[in-house]
Protein backbone atom coordinates (compact mmCIF):
# COMPACT_ATOMS: atom_id res chain seq x y z
CA MET A 1 186.83 25.37 -90.27
CA ASN A 2 190.87 25.16 -90.67
CA TYR A 3 192.29 21.76 -90.95
CA TYR A 4 195.64 21.34 -90.65
CA PHE A 5 198.89 19.25 -91.66
CA PRO A 6 201.57 17.59 -89.28
CA PHE A 7 203.94 20.15 -88.83
CA GLY A 8 201.34 23.09 -89.32
CA GLU A 9 200.34 23.03 -92.84
CA GLU A 10 196.85 24.36 -93.50
CA LEU A 11 194.40 22.20 -96.29
CA HIS A 12 193.17 24.14 -99.08
CA PRO A 13 191.06 22.47 -101.66
CA LEU A 14 192.19 21.57 -105.41
CA THR A 15 189.77 22.64 -108.29
CA GLN A 16 190.18 23.73 -111.72
CA GLN A 17 192.16 27.31 -112.37
CA GLU A 18 192.52 26.69 -115.75
CA ARG A 19 188.85 27.55 -116.30
CA SER A 20 188.01 28.14 -120.02
CA SER A 21 186.55 25.53 -122.90
CA LYS A 22 187.05 21.91 -122.43
CA SER A 23 187.12 18.35 -124.80
CA VAL A 24 186.66 15.64 -122.00
CA PHE A 25 185.65 16.59 -118.72
CA VAL A 26 187.50 13.85 -116.09
CA LEU A 27 185.36 13.14 -112.30
CA GLY A 28 188.37 11.33 -109.56
CA VAL A 29 187.71 10.51 -105.99
CA TYR A 30 189.18 12.99 -103.20
CA ALA A 31 192.10 15.03 -103.59
CA SER A 32 195.33 13.90 -102.60
CA ALA A 33 198.42 15.50 -100.67
CA VAL A 34 202.48 16.40 -101.16
CA HIS A 35 204.10 13.74 -99.15
CA ALA A 36 207.03 13.38 -96.90
CA ARG A 37 209.85 11.12 -95.91
CA TRP A 38 209.96 12.30 -92.31
CA LYS A 39 213.65 11.10 -90.66
CA ARG A 40 215.00 11.17 -87.49
CA ASP A 41 218.37 10.31 -85.95
CA GLY A 42 219.31 8.61 -88.65
CA ARG A 43 216.33 6.19 -89.28
CA VAL A 44 213.28 6.46 -91.24
CA VAL A 45 209.79 7.56 -89.17
CA CYS A 46 207.54 7.47 -92.43
CA GLN A 47 208.05 6.98 -95.62
CA ALA A 48 204.99 8.37 -97.05
CA LEU A 49 203.65 11.91 -94.36
CA ALA A 50 200.91 13.84 -96.08
CA VAL A 51 202.37 17.36 -94.90
CA ALA A 52 200.90 19.91 -97.12
CA SER A 53 197.83 20.27 -99.94
CA GLU A 54 198.86 19.37 -104.10
CA PRO A 55 199.87 22.24 -106.03
CA ARG A 56 196.92 21.89 -107.82
CA ILE A 57 194.44 19.35 -108.76
CA PHE A 58 195.77 16.57 -109.97
CA TRP A 59 199.55 17.32 -109.18
CA ASP A 60 202.09 15.57 -111.08
CA GLY A 61 205.29 14.47 -108.38
CA ASN A 62 206.74 17.10 -109.88
CA GLU A 63 210.06 17.14 -107.77
CA ASP A 64 211.25 20.31 -107.59
CA GLU A 65 207.65 21.56 -106.44
CA ALA A 66 207.72 18.53 -103.70
CA LYS A 67 211.66 20.02 -102.77
CA LYS A 68 210.23 23.51 -102.22
CA ILE A 69 206.94 22.51 -100.44
CA ILE A 70 208.25 20.79 -98.32
CA SER A 71 211.61 22.66 -97.60
CA SER A 72 209.20 25.53 -96.22
CA ILE A 73 208.20 23.60 -94.09
CA HIS A 74 209.08 24.33 -89.62
CA ILE A 75 209.88 20.97 -87.89
CA PRO A 76 211.94 21.33 -84.64
CA PRO A 77 215.95 20.28 -85.20
CA ALA A 78 214.84 17.52 -82.17
CA LEU A 79 212.52 15.30 -84.72
CA GLY A 80 214.48 14.89 -88.01
CA THR A 81 214.00 16.60 -91.36
CA LEU A 82 211.30 16.06 -93.84
CA GLU A 83 212.62 15.79 -97.27
CA PRO A 84 210.18 14.46 -100.37
CA ALA A 85 208.88 10.99 -100.72
CA GLY A 86 209.94 8.19 -103.49
CA LYS A 87 208.77 8.76 -107.30
CA ASN A 88 205.85 6.96 -106.86
CA LEU A 89 204.88 8.38 -103.43
CA ASN A 90 203.96 11.84 -104.99
CA GLY A 91 201.38 12.03 -108.20
CA PRO A 92 200.90 8.62 -109.12
CA SER A 93 197.69 8.88 -110.10
CA ALA A 94 198.14 12.10 -112.14
CA LYS A 95 200.99 10.08 -114.27
CA VAL A 96 198.04 7.48 -114.96
CA LEU A 97 195.50 9.90 -115.64
CA ASP A 98 198.15 11.62 -117.93
CA GLU A 99 199.12 8.40 -119.79
CA HIS A 100 196.80 5.88 -118.95
CA ILE A 101 193.69 7.75 -120.08
CA LEU A 102 194.22 10.99 -121.29
CA ALA A 103 197.19 10.30 -123.98
CA PRO A 104 194.97 7.06 -125.49
CA LEU A 105 192.08 9.30 -125.51
CA GLY A 106 193.74 11.50 -127.75
CA TYR A 107 193.41 14.49 -125.26
CA ASP A 108 196.17 15.91 -123.01
CA ARG A 109 196.36 18.44 -119.81
CA LYS A 110 195.37 21.01 -122.38
CA VAL A 111 191.73 20.52 -123.24
CA ALA A 112 190.69 18.64 -120.35
CA TRP A 113 188.66 19.97 -116.82
CA LEU A 114 189.38 17.83 -114.16
CA CYS A 115 187.68 17.66 -110.35
CA ASP A 116 186.64 15.91 -107.29
CA CYS A 117 183.99 14.25 -105.76
CA LEU A 118 186.05 15.71 -102.87
CA PRO A 119 188.44 18.61 -104.13
CA GLU A 120 190.02 18.23 -99.82
CA THR A 121 192.34 15.58 -99.24
CA ARG A 122 191.64 13.19 -96.19
CA LEU A 123 193.81 10.89 -94.11
CA ASN A 124 193.61 7.47 -94.90
CA PRO A 125 194.30 4.48 -92.08
CA GLY A 126 198.04 4.44 -92.92
CA GLN A 127 198.11 8.46 -92.34
CA VAL A 128 195.69 8.34 -89.28
CA LYS A 129 198.22 5.36 -87.81
CA VAL A 130 201.75 7.22 -88.15
CA ILE A 131 200.22 10.63 -86.73
CA GLU A 132 198.43 8.25 -83.58
CA GLU A 133 201.63 6.45 -83.07
CA ARG A 134 204.30 8.77 -84.12
CA TYR A 135 203.05 12.38 -84.66
CA ASN A 136 200.69 13.00 -81.18
CA PRO A 137 203.42 11.83 -79.07
CA LEU A 138 205.80 14.82 -79.60
CA ILE A 139 202.92 17.29 -79.36
CA GLY A 140 203.37 19.09 -75.91
CA GLU A 141 206.90 18.58 -75.73
CA TYR A 142 207.36 20.02 -78.77
CA GLY A 143 204.45 22.82 -78.99
CA LEU A 144 203.77 20.83 -82.32
CA ASN A 145 199.77 21.66 -83.87
CA THR A 146 197.20 18.85 -83.88
CA VAL A 147 196.64 17.38 -86.92
CA THR A 148 192.95 18.15 -88.20
CA ILE A 149 192.35 17.01 -91.23
CA PRO A 150 189.40 14.25 -91.09
CA LYS A 151 190.01 10.74 -92.01
CA ARG A 152 188.58 9.10 -95.24
CA PRO A 153 184.77 9.21 -95.24
CA VAL A 154 182.37 6.96 -96.66
CA SER A 155 180.40 9.67 -98.20
CA PHE A 156 182.42 12.04 -100.82
CA CYS A 157 179.85 14.05 -102.50
CA ASP A 158 176.55 15.09 -101.49
CA ASP A 159 173.29 16.91 -103.16
CA LYS A 160 175.41 20.34 -102.69
CA ARG A 161 178.63 18.87 -104.22
CA ALA A 162 176.37 17.31 -107.30
CA ALA A 163 175.35 20.59 -107.73
CA GLU A 164 178.75 22.05 -107.61
CA ILE A 165 179.83 19.68 -110.08
CA THR A 166 177.00 19.46 -112.59
CA ASP A 167 177.70 23.40 -112.49
CA GLU A 168 181.70 22.33 -113.59
CA ILE A 169 180.45 20.11 -115.97
CA VAL A 170 177.99 22.77 -117.83
CA GLU A 171 180.85 25.66 -117.30
CA SER A 172 183.39 23.42 -119.62
CA GLY A 173 181.86 22.58 -121.82
CA ALA A 174 183.01 19.44 -122.47
CA GLY A 175 181.07 16.64 -124.47
CA LEU A 176 182.88 13.87 -122.76
CA LEU A 177 182.70 13.02 -118.69
CA VAL A 178 184.85 10.55 -117.39
CA LEU A 179 184.67 9.28 -114.60
CA LEU A 180 187.26 6.91 -111.97
CA GLY A 181 186.25 3.98 -110.14
CA ASP A 182 182.71 3.52 -108.62
CA ILE A 183 182.21 6.51 -106.60
CA PRO A 184 182.21 9.23 -108.91
CA ILE A 185 179.70 6.72 -110.53
CA ALA A 186 177.13 6.13 -107.06
CA GLN A 187 177.70 9.57 -105.39
CA TYR A 188 177.94 11.48 -108.84
CA LEU A 189 176.31 10.56 -112.02
CA ASN A 190 173.57 8.53 -110.16
CA ARG A 191 172.51 11.44 -108.18
CA VAL A 192 172.45 13.33 -111.29
CA VAL A 193 171.04 11.15 -114.21
CA ASP A 194 168.82 8.27 -114.19
CA VAL A 195 170.96 5.28 -115.30
CA SER A 196 170.73 2.11 -114.71
CA TRP A 197 173.94 0.54 -113.51
CA SER A 198 175.57 2.33 -110.58
CA SER A 199 179.61 0.83 -110.60
CA LEU A 200 181.81 0.22 -113.22
CA SER A 201 181.27 -3.82 -112.94
CA GLU A 202 177.81 -3.38 -114.17
CA TYR A 203 178.50 -0.47 -116.96
CA CYS A 204 180.84 -3.68 -118.39
CA ASP A 205 178.73 -6.28 -118.40
CA LEU A 206 175.83 -3.70 -120.38
CA TYR A 207 178.08 -1.45 -122.39
CA GLY A 208 182.15 -3.19 -121.73
CA TYR A 209 185.32 -1.56 -121.00
CA GLY A 210 186.19 1.47 -122.20
CA VAL A 211 182.80 1.92 -124.26
CA ARG A 212 181.35 5.35 -124.22
CA THR A 213 177.55 5.81 -124.09
CA GLU A 214 175.67 9.30 -124.17
CA THR A 215 173.35 10.34 -121.36
CA GLU A 216 171.47 13.90 -120.56
CA LEU A 217 173.16 15.84 -118.16
CA ALA A 218 171.76 19.39 -117.03
CA GLY A 219 169.77 19.35 -120.25
CA LYS A 220 172.22 18.74 -122.42
CA ARG A 221 173.64 15.29 -124.07
CA ILE A 222 177.14 14.38 -123.00
CA GLU A 223 179.37 10.91 -123.62
CA ILE A 224 180.35 8.77 -119.89
CA LEU A 225 183.54 6.71 -120.45
CA PRO A 226 184.03 5.33 -116.94
CA PHE A 227 187.28 3.49 -116.12
CA ALA A 228 188.84 2.17 -113.36
CA HIS A 229 189.60 4.06 -110.99
CA PRO A 230 194.45 4.69 -111.14
CA ARG A 231 195.38 2.60 -108.55
CA GLN A 232 193.98 -0.16 -110.17
CA ILE A 233 194.91 1.22 -113.65
CA GLY A 234 198.35 1.74 -112.61
CA ALA A 235 198.72 -1.11 -110.25
CA LEU A 236 199.55 0.81 -107.11
CA GLY A 237 200.09 -1.00 -104.30
CA SER A 238 197.18 -2.90 -103.84
CA HIS A 239 194.90 -3.41 -107.16
CA SER A 240 192.35 -5.56 -108.99
CA GLU A 241 193.72 -7.74 -111.09
CA LYS A 242 190.96 -8.21 -113.83
CA TRP A 243 190.81 -4.11 -113.89
CA ASN A 244 194.13 -3.61 -114.53
CA ARG A 245 194.05 -6.41 -117.10
CA LEU A 246 191.05 -4.76 -118.92
CA HIS A 247 192.49 -1.42 -119.17
CA ARG A 248 195.89 -2.79 -120.50
CA GLU A 249 193.51 -3.86 -123.62
CA TRP A 250 191.64 -1.04 -123.84
CA GLU A 251 194.61 1.01 -124.28
CA GLU A 252 196.95 -1.18 -127.11
CA SER A 253 192.66 -1.37 -128.47
CA GLN A 254 193.02 2.42 -129.51
């Protein structure tokens, strides 16, 4: 089934494109989207409306790319204009990944294989609310498409998806698996590896934050390094001060 954003862009999956051997494999939760500020009659209708799939996995929010993508989206003149959302609203997780995870580990994007449990974006409650209240009432009058992107699910990774991720890890040849938050731990790792922990808190109680351990995955030994989700690490909106502090302490120790 094809899924569509407000104003008609089709959803597409985001996966690792450059597939040579890598040093580190990073597993996140689900793909984000390009966000636009929707303005009408001099007022902001929505500060950050998801309007298109990102141009690549863990996109950094490049403003020129954002302008090009958003300018290609047709919006009836009577409904106003779309422009790139604020700089902190496109690509914030990617910036955290680059600056606060990969760089302290001594890596950059060239040696990292990036993956998400769910390689497509989903609508969080805030996006659902603005679509229901401000976009949907305009569909009939202006001939707009119905938004069909599903809501944010509880499960991001089933057995089939877990097998696909394992295949990517094997293909990458990476010796280190970085997990971003509890969901990759509980929904991926616990499906494929027999470990005695199922959350970041449990891992930290056993080994400490930012400490590597080793396990066997797909018949090979691999290092495991769970971190807090980029939202926590970068203090992006509502976040846990505990995980933000622990990650800062880990960075300072590198």
